[in-house]
Amino acid sequence: MLRAVRDLPVSVDTRRPAVMRTALDAGASMINDVQALQAPGALDAVRESTCAVCLMHMKGTPATMQSEPRYDDVVKEVRAFLKDAVRKARFAGIGADRIVVDPGFGFGKTVAHNLKLLRRLDEFQSLGVAVLAGLSRKSTLGLITGRPVEQRLAGSLALALLALHRGANMLRVHEVKETKDVIAVWQAYKNDA
């Protein structure tokens, strides 16, 4: 049982309804789906629970997503996809308070796409649900800085701060303590303004 491991919320990354049900039966409190509950049975699996769900955008499949991804307008297309995913989830009976959207930084996006999404992240607030940014240690940072994954802390913290500034409600991070420090400083700055 996941609940027996810790008294903390547990998020399970899966796009398979059978895995969703098993994880939820074991006590998972959130399902993070890179296909935004598009698989047959996925909406039912989440609806039948009280868990939160992260609806993420990914262009293509995990095997093809980075094969020359193209968009006419990455923000418009990703936002339209997530708007539709939220609409379907709401129609299925999943409350807005249980839904989080993730533009899918790095999932079928180039560095330019990721930066454009980050600059306009506030536009996703109009979907009426929480917005998550998962930028920690992403390959985009490696391409920008030339640093290997284990040396991307500074870049990850910079992206976390930029995501918060642009409207993210939640962050997916690797270095929790350091990110909390950045957030504390940012909040103190904002509150004193």
N, C-alpha and C. Protein backbone atom coordinates (compact mmCIF):
# COMPACT_ATOMS: atom_id res chain seq x y z
N MET A 1 0.84 -1.19 0.00
CA MET A 1 0.00 0.00 0.00
C MET A 1 0.88 1.25 0.00
N LEU A 2 0.56 2.19 -0.85
CA LEU A 2 1.30 3.44 -0.91
C LEU A 2 1.10 4.25 0.36
N ARG A 3 -0.09 4.16 0.96
CA ARG A 3 -0.35 4.92 2.18
C ARG A 3 0.54 4.47 3.32
N ALA A 4 0.92 3.20 3.31
CA ALA A 4 1.74 2.68 4.39
C ALA A 4 3.18 3.14 4.29
N VAL A 5 3.61 3.53 3.09
CA VAL A 5 4.99 3.95 2.88
C VAL A 5 5.26 5.26 3.61
N ARG A 6 4.41 6.23 3.40
CA ARG A 6 4.56 7.55 4.03
C ARG A 6 3.21 8.19 4.16
N ASP A 7 3.17 9.17 5.03
CA ASP A 7 1.94 9.93 5.17
C ASP A 7 2.01 11.17 4.28
N LEU A 8 2.40 10.94 3.02
CA LEU A 8 2.54 12.01 2.05
C LEU A 8 1.72 11.68 0.81
N PRO A 9 1.28 12.69 0.07
CA PRO A 9 0.59 12.41 -1.19
C PRO A 9 1.54 11.76 -2.18
N VAL A 10 1.03 10.83 -2.94
CA VAL A 10 1.83 10.11 -3.94
C VAL A 10 1.19 10.30 -5.31
N SER A 11 1.99 10.74 -6.27
CA SER A 11 1.55 10.89 -7.65
C SER A 11 2.14 9.76 -8.47
N VAL A 12 1.32 9.16 -9.31
CA VAL A 12 1.78 8.06 -10.16
C VAL A 12 1.68 8.49 -11.61
N ASP A 13 2.80 8.36 -12.32
CA ASP A 13 2.84 8.68 -13.75
C ASP A 13 2.43 7.46 -14.55
N THR A 14 1.30 7.56 -15.24
CA THR A 14 0.86 6.46 -16.10
C THR A 14 -0.16 6.97 -17.11
N ARG A 15 -0.23 6.29 -18.22
CA ARG A 15 -1.25 6.58 -19.23
C ARG A 15 -2.15 5.38 -19.44
N ARG A 16 -1.98 4.36 -18.60
CA ARG A 16 -2.73 3.11 -18.72
C ARG A 16 -3.79 3.00 -17.63
N PRO A 17 -5.07 2.88 -18.02
CA PRO A 17 -6.16 2.83 -17.04
C PRO A 17 -6.01 1.71 -16.01
N ALA A 18 -5.52 0.54 -16.41
CA ALA A 18 -5.36 -0.55 -15.44
C ALA A 18 -4.33 -0.18 -14.37
N VAL A 19 -3.27 0.48 -14.77
CA VAL A 19 -2.26 0.93 -13.80
C VAL A 19 -2.85 2.02 -12.92
N MET A 20 -3.66 2.90 -13.51
CA MET A 20 -4.31 3.95 -12.72
C MET A 20 -5.15 3.33 -11.61
N ARG A 21 -5.97 2.35 -11.97
CA ARG A 21 -6.84 1.72 -10.97
C ARG A 21 -6.02 1.04 -9.87
N THR A 22 -4.97 0.33 -10.26
CA THR A 22 -4.12 -0.35 -9.28
C THR A 22 -3.46 0.66 -8.35
N ALA A 23 -2.94 1.74 -8.93
CA ALA A 23 -2.28 2.77 -8.12
C ALA A 23 -3.27 3.44 -7.18
N LEU A 24 -4.46 3.74 -7.67
CA LEU A 24 -5.47 4.37 -6.84
C LEU A 24 -5.95 3.44 -5.73
N ASP A 25 -6.10 2.16 -6.04
CA ASP A 25 -6.46 1.18 -5.01
C ASP A 25 -5.39 1.08 -3.93
N ALA A 26 -4.12 1.32 -4.33
CA ALA A 26 -3.02 1.26 -3.37
C ALA A 26 -2.84 2.55 -2.59
N GLY A 27 -3.62 3.59 -2.92
CA GLY A 27 -3.57 4.82 -2.15
C GLY A 27 -2.96 6.02 -2.84
N ALA A 28 -2.70 5.95 -4.13
CA ALA A 28 -2.17 7.11 -4.83
C ALA A 28 -3.16 8.27 -4.73
N SER A 29 -2.64 9.47 -4.60
CA SER A 29 -3.51 10.63 -4.47
C SER A 29 -3.57 11.47 -5.74
N MET A 30 -2.72 11.13 -6.72
CA MET A 30 -2.74 11.86 -7.98
C MET A 30 -2.29 10.96 -9.12
N ILE A 31 -2.93 11.12 -10.27
CA ILE A 31 -2.51 10.45 -11.49
C ILE A 31 -1.98 11.52 -12.43
N ASN A 32 -0.77 11.32 -12.93
CA ASN A 32 -0.16 12.23 -13.89
C ASN A 32 -0.14 11.49 -15.22
N ASP A 33 -0.95 11.95 -16.16
CA ASP A 33 -1.11 11.26 -17.44
C ASP A 33 -0.59 12.10 -18.59
N VAL A 34 0.47 11.61 -19.25
CA VAL A 34 1.05 12.34 -20.38
C VAL A 34 0.13 12.36 -21.59
N GLN A 35 -0.95 11.58 -21.55
CA GLN A 35 -1.93 11.58 -22.63
C GLN A 35 -3.25 12.22 -22.22
N ALA A 36 -3.26 12.86 -21.06
CA ALA A 36 -4.42 13.64 -20.60
C ALA A 36 -5.72 12.84 -20.62
N LEU A 37 -5.67 11.60 -20.13
CA LEU A 37 -6.84 10.72 -19.99
C LEU A 37 -7.52 10.40 -21.32
N GLN A 38 -6.74 10.32 -22.39
CA GLN A 38 -7.30 9.99 -23.70
C GLN A 38 -7.47 8.49 -23.93
N ALA A 39 -6.76 7.65 -23.20
CA ALA A 39 -6.87 6.21 -23.40
C ALA A 39 -8.27 5.74 -23.00
N PRO A 40 -8.84 4.78 -23.74
CA PRO A 40 -10.16 4.26 -23.36
C PRO A 40 -10.15 3.74 -21.92
N GLY A 41 -11.08 4.23 -21.12
CA GLY A 41 -11.19 3.81 -19.73
C GLY A 41 -10.47 4.71 -18.74
N ALA A 42 -9.62 5.61 -19.23
CA ALA A 42 -8.85 6.46 -18.32
C ALA A 42 -9.74 7.44 -17.56
N LEU A 43 -10.66 8.08 -18.26
CA LEU A 43 -11.58 9.01 -17.59
C LEU A 43 -12.37 8.30 -16.51
N ASP A 44 -12.85 7.08 -16.81
CA ASP A 44 -13.62 6.32 -15.82
C ASP A 44 -12.77 5.98 -14.61
N ALA A 45 -11.53 5.58 -14.83
CA ALA A 45 -10.65 5.19 -13.72
C ALA A 45 -10.47 6.34 -12.75
N VAL A 46 -10.28 7.54 -13.27
CA VAL A 46 -10.06 8.69 -12.40
C VAL A 46 -11.38 9.19 -11.81
N ARG A 47 -12.43 9.21 -12.60
CA ARG A 47 -13.73 9.68 -12.12
C ARG A 47 -14.20 8.88 -10.92
N GLU A 48 -13.96 7.59 -10.93
CA GLU A 48 -14.44 6.71 -9.86
C GLU A 48 -13.67 6.88 -8.55
N SER A 49 -12.66 7.73 -8.56
CA SER A 49 -11.85 7.95 -7.36
C SER A 49 -12.07 9.39 -6.87
N THR A 50 -11.30 9.75 -5.87
CA THR A 50 -11.30 11.14 -5.39
C THR A 50 -9.95 11.78 -5.63
N CYS A 51 -9.10 11.15 -6.43
CA CYS A 51 -7.74 11.63 -6.64
C CYS A 51 -7.71 12.89 -7.49
N ALA A 52 -6.57 13.56 -7.44
CA ALA A 52 -6.29 14.65 -8.36
C ALA A 52 -5.74 14.03 -9.64
N VAL A 53 -5.79 14.83 -10.71
CA VAL A 53 -5.26 14.35 -11.99
C VAL A 53 -4.52 15.48 -12.69
N CYS A 54 -3.37 15.15 -13.23
CA CYS A 54 -2.60 16.10 -14.02
C CYS A 54 -2.76 15.72 -15.48
N LEU A 55 -3.36 16.62 -16.24
CA LEU A 55 -3.57 16.43 -17.67
C LEU A 55 -2.42 17.12 -18.40
N MET A 56 -1.58 16.33 -19.04
CA MET A 56 -0.39 16.87 -19.68
C MET A 56 -0.49 16.81 -21.18
N HIS A 57 0.14 17.76 -21.84
CA HIS A 57 0.23 17.75 -23.30
C HIS A 57 1.54 17.09 -23.73
N MET A 58 1.43 16.20 -24.69
CA MET A 58 2.60 15.60 -25.32
C MET A 58 2.29 15.47 -26.81
N LYS A 59 3.18 15.93 -27.63
CA LYS A 59 3.01 15.78 -29.08
C LYS A 59 3.62 14.45 -29.49
N GLY A 60 2.81 13.60 -30.13
CA GLY A 60 3.31 12.30 -30.55
C GLY A 60 3.27 11.28 -29.43
N THR A 61 4.19 10.36 -29.46
CA THR A 61 4.31 9.32 -28.44
C THR A 61 5.67 9.48 -27.76
N PRO A 62 5.89 8.79 -26.64
CA PRO A 62 7.21 8.91 -26.02
C PRO A 62 8.36 8.57 -26.99
N ALA A 63 8.12 7.67 -27.92
CA ALA A 63 9.17 7.28 -28.86
C ALA A 63 9.38 8.30 -29.98
N THR A 64 8.34 9.08 -30.30
CA THR A 64 8.43 9.99 -31.45
C THR A 64 8.39 11.47 -31.10
N MET A 65 8.13 11.79 -29.83
CA MET A 65 7.82 13.18 -29.48
C MET A 65 8.92 14.18 -29.81
N GLN A 66 10.17 13.77 -29.82
CA GLN A 66 11.24 14.73 -30.10
C GLN A 66 11.74 14.66 -31.54
N SER A 67 11.00 13.97 -32.41
CA SER A 67 11.38 13.89 -33.82
C SER A 67 10.84 15.10 -34.57
N GLU A 68 11.60 16.18 -34.52
CA GLU A 68 11.26 17.42 -35.21
C GLU A 68 9.83 17.90 -34.93
N PRO A 69 9.49 18.17 -33.67
CA PRO A 69 8.14 18.67 -33.37
C PRO A 69 7.89 20.02 -34.03
N ARG A 70 6.71 20.17 -34.60
CA ARG A 70 6.35 21.42 -35.29
C ARG A 70 4.97 21.88 -34.83
N TYR A 71 4.85 23.20 -34.73
CA TYR A 71 3.58 23.84 -34.38
C TYR A 71 3.45 25.10 -35.21
N ASP A 72 2.23 25.48 -35.55
CA ASP A 72 2.01 26.80 -36.13
C ASP A 72 2.09 27.85 -35.03
N ASP A 73 1.48 27.54 -33.87
CA ASP A 73 1.51 28.41 -32.69
C ASP A 73 1.46 27.48 -31.48
N VAL A 74 2.62 27.22 -30.89
CA VAL A 74 2.71 26.21 -29.83
C VAL A 74 1.79 26.53 -28.66
N VAL A 75 1.70 27.78 -28.26
CA VAL A 75 0.87 28.13 -27.10
C VAL A 75 -0.61 27.90 -27.43
N LYS A 76 -1.03 28.37 -28.59
CA LYS A 76 -2.42 28.21 -29.00
C LYS A 76 -2.80 26.73 -29.11
N GLU A 77 -1.93 25.92 -29.72
CA GLU A 77 -2.23 24.51 -29.92
C GLU A 77 -2.23 23.72 -28.61
N VAL A 78 -1.25 23.97 -27.74
CA VAL A 78 -1.19 23.27 -26.46
C VAL A 78 -2.36 23.69 -25.58
N ARG A 79 -2.66 24.99 -25.57
CA ARG A 79 -3.80 25.47 -24.76
C ARG A 79 -5.11 24.87 -25.25
N ALA A 80 -5.32 24.79 -26.57
CA ALA A 80 -6.54 24.21 -27.12
C ALA A 80 -6.65 22.73 -26.73
N PHE A 81 -5.55 22.00 -26.80
CA PHE A 81 -5.55 20.60 -26.41
C PHE A 81 -5.95 20.45 -24.94
N LEU A 82 -5.32 21.25 -24.08
CA LEU A 82 -5.61 21.15 -22.64
C LEU A 82 -7.02 21.63 -22.31
N LYS A 83 -7.49 22.64 -23.02
CA LYS A 83 -8.87 23.10 -22.82
C LYS A 83 -9.84 21.96 -23.11
N ASP A 84 -9.61 21.25 -24.19
CA ASP A 84 -10.47 20.12 -24.55
C ASP A 84 -10.36 19.00 -23.52
N ALA A 85 -9.14 18.74 -23.05
CA ALA A 85 -8.94 17.69 -22.04
C ALA A 85 -9.67 18.03 -20.74
N VAL A 86 -9.61 19.31 -20.33
CA VAL A 86 -10.32 19.75 -19.13
C VAL A 86 -11.83 19.62 -19.34
N ARG A 87 -12.30 20.03 -20.51
CA ARG A 87 -13.74 19.93 -20.81
C ARG A 87 -14.20 18.48 -20.70
N LYS A 88 -13.46 17.55 -21.27
CA LYS A 88 -13.83 16.13 -21.23
C LYS A 88 -13.81 15.60 -19.79
N ALA A 89 -12.80 15.99 -19.03
CA ALA A 89 -12.71 15.55 -17.64
C ALA A 89 -13.87 16.09 -16.82
N ARG A 90 -14.19 17.36 -17.01
CA ARG A 90 -15.32 17.96 -16.29
C ARG A 90 -16.63 17.29 -16.69
N PHE A 91 -16.82 17.04 -17.97
CA PHE A 91 -18.03 16.39 -18.47
C PHE A 91 -18.16 14.97 -17.89
N ALA A 92 -17.01 14.33 -17.67
CA ALA A 92 -17.02 12.98 -17.10
C ALA A 92 -17.30 12.98 -15.60
N GLY A 93 -17.31 14.17 -14.99
CA GLY A 93 -17.62 14.26 -13.57
C GLY A 93 -16.43 14.51 -12.67
N ILE A 94 -15.31 14.87 -13.23
CA ILE A 94 -14.13 15.18 -12.43
C ILE A 94 -14.14 16.69 -12.15
N GLY A 95 -14.19 17.05 -10.89
CA GLY A 95 -14.29 18.45 -10.51
C GLY A 95 -13.05 19.25 -10.86
N ALA A 96 -13.24 20.54 -11.15
CA ALA A 96 -12.12 21.42 -11.49
C ALA A 96 -11.09 21.47 -10.37
N ASP A 97 -11.54 21.31 -9.11
CA ASP A 97 -10.62 21.35 -7.98
C ASP A 97 -9.69 20.14 -7.94
N ARG A 98 -9.96 19.13 -8.76
CA ARG A 98 -9.11 17.93 -8.82
C ARG A 98 -8.18 17.93 -10.03
N ILE A 99 -8.31 18.94 -10.90
CA ILE A 99 -7.60 18.94 -12.17
C ILE A 99 -6.44 19.94 -12.16
N VAL A 100 -5.31 19.47 -12.69
CA VAL A 100 -4.13 20.29 -12.91
C VAL A 100 -3.75 20.12 -14.37
N VAL A 101 -3.34 21.19 -15.04
CA VAL A 101 -2.85 21.06 -16.41
C VAL A 101 -1.35 21.31 -16.45
N ASP A 102 -0.70 20.61 -17.37
CA ASP A 102 0.75 20.71 -17.55
C ASP A 102 1.01 20.86 -19.05
N PRO A 103 1.59 21.98 -19.49
CA PRO A 103 1.87 22.16 -20.91
C PRO A 103 2.85 21.14 -21.48
N GLY A 104 3.49 20.37 -20.64
CA GLY A 104 4.38 19.32 -21.12
C GLY A 104 5.70 19.83 -21.64
N PHE A 105 6.36 20.67 -20.86
CA PHE A 105 7.67 21.17 -21.26
C PHE A 105 8.58 19.99 -21.59
N GLY A 106 9.15 20.01 -22.79
CA GLY A 106 10.08 18.96 -23.19
C GLY A 106 9.43 17.75 -23.82
N PHE A 107 8.13 17.67 -23.81
CA PHE A 107 7.43 16.52 -24.38
C PHE A 107 6.92 16.89 -25.77
N GLY A 108 7.78 16.74 -26.76
CA GLY A 108 7.42 17.10 -28.11
C GLY A 108 7.54 18.59 -28.35
N LYS A 109 8.57 19.19 -27.75
CA LYS A 109 8.81 20.62 -27.89
C LYS A 109 10.30 20.88 -28.01
N THR A 110 10.65 21.87 -28.82
CA THR A 110 12.03 22.32 -28.93
C THR A 110 12.31 23.32 -27.82
N VAL A 111 13.56 23.77 -27.73
CA VAL A 111 13.91 24.81 -26.76
C VAL A 111 13.06 26.05 -27.01
N ALA A 112 12.93 26.44 -28.28
CA ALA A 112 12.13 27.63 -28.61
C ALA A 112 10.67 27.45 -28.19
N HIS A 113 10.11 26.26 -28.41
CA HIS A 113 8.73 25.99 -27.98
C HIS A 113 8.61 26.12 -26.47
N ASN A 114 9.54 25.52 -25.75
CA ASN A 114 9.49 25.55 -24.28
C ASN A 114 9.57 26.98 -23.76
N LEU A 115 10.45 27.78 -24.33
CA LEU A 115 10.58 29.16 -23.87
C LEU A 115 9.34 29.99 -24.20
N LYS A 116 8.74 29.74 -25.35
CA LYS A 116 7.51 30.46 -25.70
C LYS A 116 6.39 30.08 -24.73
N LEU A 117 6.27 28.78 -24.43
CA LEU A 117 5.25 28.34 -23.45
C LEU A 117 5.48 28.98 -22.10
N LEU A 118 6.73 29.05 -21.68
CA LEU A 118 7.05 29.65 -20.39
C LEU A 118 6.71 31.14 -20.38
N ARG A 119 7.05 31.86 -21.44
CA ARG A 119 6.75 33.30 -21.52
C ARG A 119 5.25 33.58 -21.44
N ARG A 120 4.46 32.65 -21.94
CA ARG A 120 3.00 32.87 -22.01
C ARG A 120 2.23 31.90 -21.11
N LEU A 121 2.88 31.39 -20.08
CA LEU A 121 2.26 30.42 -19.19
C LEU A 121 0.99 30.97 -18.54
N ASP A 122 0.95 32.26 -18.31
CA ASP A 122 -0.23 32.87 -17.68
C ASP A 122 -1.49 32.67 -18.50
N GLU A 123 -1.37 32.43 -19.80
CA GLU A 123 -2.55 32.22 -20.64
C GLU A 123 -3.29 30.92 -20.29
N PHE A 124 -2.61 30.00 -19.62
CA PHE A 124 -3.24 28.73 -19.24
C PHE A 124 -4.13 28.89 -18.01
N GLN A 125 -4.00 30.00 -17.29
CA GLN A 125 -4.86 30.25 -16.14
C GLN A 125 -6.32 30.35 -16.53
N SER A 126 -6.59 30.75 -17.78
CA SER A 126 -7.98 30.90 -18.23
C SER A 126 -8.71 29.56 -18.32
N LEU A 127 -7.99 28.45 -18.17
CA LEU A 127 -8.64 27.13 -18.21
C LEU A 127 -9.40 26.83 -16.92
N GLY A 128 -9.20 27.64 -15.89
CA GLY A 128 -9.96 27.50 -14.66
C GLY A 128 -9.50 26.39 -13.74
N VAL A 129 -8.27 25.90 -13.95
CA VAL A 129 -7.70 24.86 -13.10
C VAL A 129 -6.26 25.24 -12.78
N ALA A 130 -5.65 24.52 -11.86
CA ALA A 130 -4.26 24.79 -11.50
C ALA A 130 -3.33 24.48 -12.68
N VAL A 131 -2.23 25.23 -12.74
CA VAL A 131 -1.23 25.06 -13.80
C VAL A 131 0.07 24.58 -13.18
N LEU A 132 0.60 23.50 -13.71
CA LEU A 132 1.84 22.91 -13.23
C LEU A 132 2.94 23.13 -14.25
N ALA A 133 4.14 23.43 -13.78
CA ALA A 133 5.31 23.54 -14.65
C ALA A 133 6.36 22.56 -14.18
N GLY A 134 6.74 21.67 -15.06
CA GLY A 134 7.80 20.69 -14.77
C GLY A 134 9.01 21.01 -15.63
N LEU A 135 9.91 21.82 -15.11
CA LEU A 135 11.08 22.26 -15.88
C LEU A 135 12.40 21.81 -15.29
N SER A 136 12.37 21.23 -14.12
CA SER A 136 13.57 20.83 -13.41
C SER A 136 14.41 19.84 -14.21
N ARG A 137 15.70 20.18 -14.40
CA ARG A 137 16.69 19.33 -15.05
C ARG A 137 16.39 18.99 -16.51
N LYS A 138 15.46 19.65 -17.15
CA LYS A 138 15.05 19.30 -18.51
C LYS A 138 16.21 19.44 -19.50
N SER A 139 16.10 18.70 -20.60
CA SER A 139 17.13 18.75 -21.64
C SER A 139 17.26 20.15 -22.22
N THR A 140 16.19 20.93 -22.17
CA THR A 140 16.26 22.33 -22.61
C THR A 140 17.37 23.06 -21.87
N LEU A 141 17.50 22.80 -20.57
CA LEU A 141 18.57 23.42 -19.79
C LEU A 141 19.94 22.99 -20.28
N GLY A 142 20.06 21.72 -20.64
CA GLY A 142 21.33 21.24 -21.18
C GLY A 142 21.68 21.92 -22.48
N LEU A 143 20.67 22.12 -23.32
CA LEU A 143 20.91 22.78 -24.60
C LEU A 143 21.23 24.27 -24.43
N ILE A 144 20.62 24.90 -23.44
CA ILE A 144 20.88 26.33 -23.19
C ILE A 144 22.24 26.53 -22.53
N THR A 145 22.53 25.72 -21.50
CA THR A 145 23.73 25.94 -20.68
C THR A 145 24.92 25.06 -21.05
N GLY A 146 24.66 23.96 -21.72
CA GLY A 146 25.73 23.00 -22.01
C GLY A 146 26.06 22.10 -20.83
N ARG A 147 25.26 22.18 -19.78
CA ARG A 147 25.53 21.41 -18.56
C ARG A 147 24.86 20.03 -18.62
N PRO A 148 25.54 19.00 -18.06
CA PRO A 148 24.91 17.68 -17.95
C PRO A 148 23.81 17.72 -16.89
N VAL A 149 22.97 16.72 -16.89
CA VAL A 149 21.78 16.71 -16.03
C VAL A 149 22.10 16.94 -14.56
N GLU A 150 23.21 16.40 -14.07
CA GLU A 150 23.52 16.53 -12.65
C GLU A 150 24.05 17.92 -12.30
N GLN A 151 24.26 18.79 -13.28
CA GLN A 151 24.75 20.15 -13.03
C GLN A 151 23.73 21.21 -13.45
N ARG A 152 22.47 20.90 -13.37
CA ARG A 152 21.44 21.83 -13.84
C ARG A 152 20.63 22.48 -12.71
N LEU A 153 21.16 22.49 -11.50
CA LEU A 153 20.42 23.07 -10.38
C LEU A 153 20.15 24.55 -10.59
N ALA A 154 21.17 25.33 -10.93
CA ALA A 154 20.97 26.77 -11.09
C ALA A 154 19.94 27.06 -12.17
N GLY A 155 20.06 26.37 -13.29
CA GLY A 155 19.08 26.57 -14.38
C GLY A 155 17.69 26.15 -13.96
N SER A 156 17.59 25.05 -13.22
CA SER A 156 16.28 24.58 -12.75
C SER A 156 15.64 25.60 -11.82
N LEU A 157 16.43 26.19 -10.94
CA LEU A 157 15.90 27.19 -10.02
C LEU A 157 15.46 28.44 -10.77
N ALA A 158 16.24 28.83 -11.78
CA ALA A 158 15.85 29.99 -12.59
C ALA A 158 14.53 29.74 -13.30
N LEU A 159 14.38 28.55 -13.88
CA LEU A 159 13.13 28.23 -14.57
C LEU A 159 11.95 28.14 -13.60
N ALA A 160 12.20 27.61 -12.41
CA ALA A 160 11.12 27.54 -11.40
C ALA A 160 10.63 28.94 -11.05
N LEU A 161 11.55 29.85 -10.84
CA LEU A 161 11.18 31.22 -10.51
C LEU A 161 10.43 31.89 -11.66
N LEU A 162 10.91 31.68 -12.88
CA LEU A 162 10.23 32.25 -14.04
C LEU A 162 8.83 31.66 -14.20
N ALA A 163 8.68 30.36 -13.95
CA ALA A 163 7.36 29.73 -14.05
C ALA A 163 6.39 30.31 -13.02
N LEU A 164 6.87 30.50 -11.80
CA LEU A 164 6.02 31.11 -10.77
C LEU A 164 5.63 32.53 -11.18
N HIS A 165 6.59 33.26 -11.67
CA HIS A 165 6.33 34.64 -12.11
C HIS A 165 5.30 34.69 -13.24
N ARG A 166 5.28 33.67 -14.08
CA ARG A 166 4.36 33.64 -15.22
C ARG A 166 3.06 32.91 -14.92
N GLY A 167 2.82 32.50 -13.67
CA GLY A 167 1.50 32.00 -13.31
C GLY A 167 1.39 30.54 -12.91
N ALA A 168 2.48 29.81 -12.81
CA ALA A 168 2.38 28.42 -12.36
C ALA A 168 1.88 28.37 -10.92
N ASN A 169 0.97 27.43 -10.65
CA ASN A 169 0.48 27.21 -9.29
C ASN A 169 1.24 26.09 -8.60
N MET A 170 1.83 25.22 -9.42
CA MET A 170 2.56 24.06 -8.89
C MET A 170 3.84 23.87 -9.70
N LEU A 171 4.86 23.34 -9.04
CA LEU A 171 6.11 23.04 -9.71
C LEU A 171 6.46 21.57 -9.49
N ARG A 172 6.98 20.93 -10.51
CA ARG A 172 7.53 19.58 -10.36
C ARG A 172 9.04 19.76 -10.35
N VAL A 173 9.68 19.40 -9.23
CA VAL A 173 11.11 19.67 -9.06
C VAL A 173 11.84 18.44 -8.53
N HIS A 174 13.15 18.48 -8.64
CA HIS A 174 14.00 17.44 -8.07
C HIS A 174 14.61 17.91 -6.75
N GLU A 175 15.09 19.15 -6.72
CA GLU A 175 15.74 19.69 -5.53
C GLU A 175 14.72 20.51 -4.73
N VAL A 176 14.00 19.84 -3.85
CA VAL A 176 12.90 20.47 -3.12
C VAL A 176 13.40 21.56 -2.18
N LYS A 177 14.41 21.27 -1.38
CA LYS A 177 14.90 22.23 -0.39
C LYS A 177 15.35 23.53 -1.06
N GLU A 178 16.15 23.43 -2.10
CA GLU A 178 16.65 24.61 -2.80
C GLU A 178 15.51 25.39 -3.46
N THR A 179 14.55 24.67 -4.03
CA THR A 179 13.41 25.33 -4.67
C THR A 179 12.56 26.05 -3.63
N LYS A 180 12.38 25.43 -2.46
CA LYS A 180 11.63 26.10 -1.39
C LYS A 180 12.30 27.41 -0.99
N ASP A 181 13.63 27.41 -0.94
CA ASP A 181 14.35 28.64 -0.60
C ASP A 181 14.11 29.73 -1.64
N VAL A 182 14.16 29.37 -2.92
CA VAL A 182 13.91 30.33 -3.99
C VAL A 182 12.49 30.89 -3.87
N ILE A 183 11.53 30.01 -3.60
CA ILE A 183 10.14 30.45 -3.47
C ILE A 183 9.98 31.38 -2.28
N ALA A 184 10.64 31.06 -1.16
CA ALA A 184 10.55 31.90 0.04
C ALA A 184 11.07 33.31 -0.24
N VAL A 185 12.19 33.40 -0.95
CA VAL A 185 12.75 34.71 -1.29
C VAL A 185 11.81 35.44 -2.23
N TRP A 186 11.28 34.74 -3.24
CA TRP A 186 10.36 35.36 -4.20
C TRP A 186 9.10 35.87 -3.51
N GLN A 187 8.55 35.08 -2.59
CA GLN A 187 7.35 35.50 -1.89
C GLN A 187 7.62 36.69 -0.98
N ALA A 188 8.76 36.71 -0.32
CA ALA A 188 9.11 37.86 0.52
C ALA A 188 9.24 39.12 -0.33
N TYR A 189 9.86 39.00 -1.48
CA TYR A 189 9.99 40.13 -2.40
C TYR A 189 8.62 40.62 -2.85
N LYS A 190 7.75 39.69 -3.26
CA LYS A 190 6.42 40.08 -3.73
C LYS A 190 5.59 40.72 -2.62
N ASN A 191 5.66 40.18 -1.43
CA ASN A 191 4.84 40.67 -0.33
C ASN A 191 5.29 42.03 0.16
N ASP A 192 6.53 42.39 -0.05
CA ASP A 192 7.04 43.69 0.42
C ASP A 192 6.87 44.76 -0.66
N ALA A 193 6.42 44.35 -1.86
CA ALA A 193 6.32 45.33 -2.96
C ALA A 193 5.15 46.26 -2.78
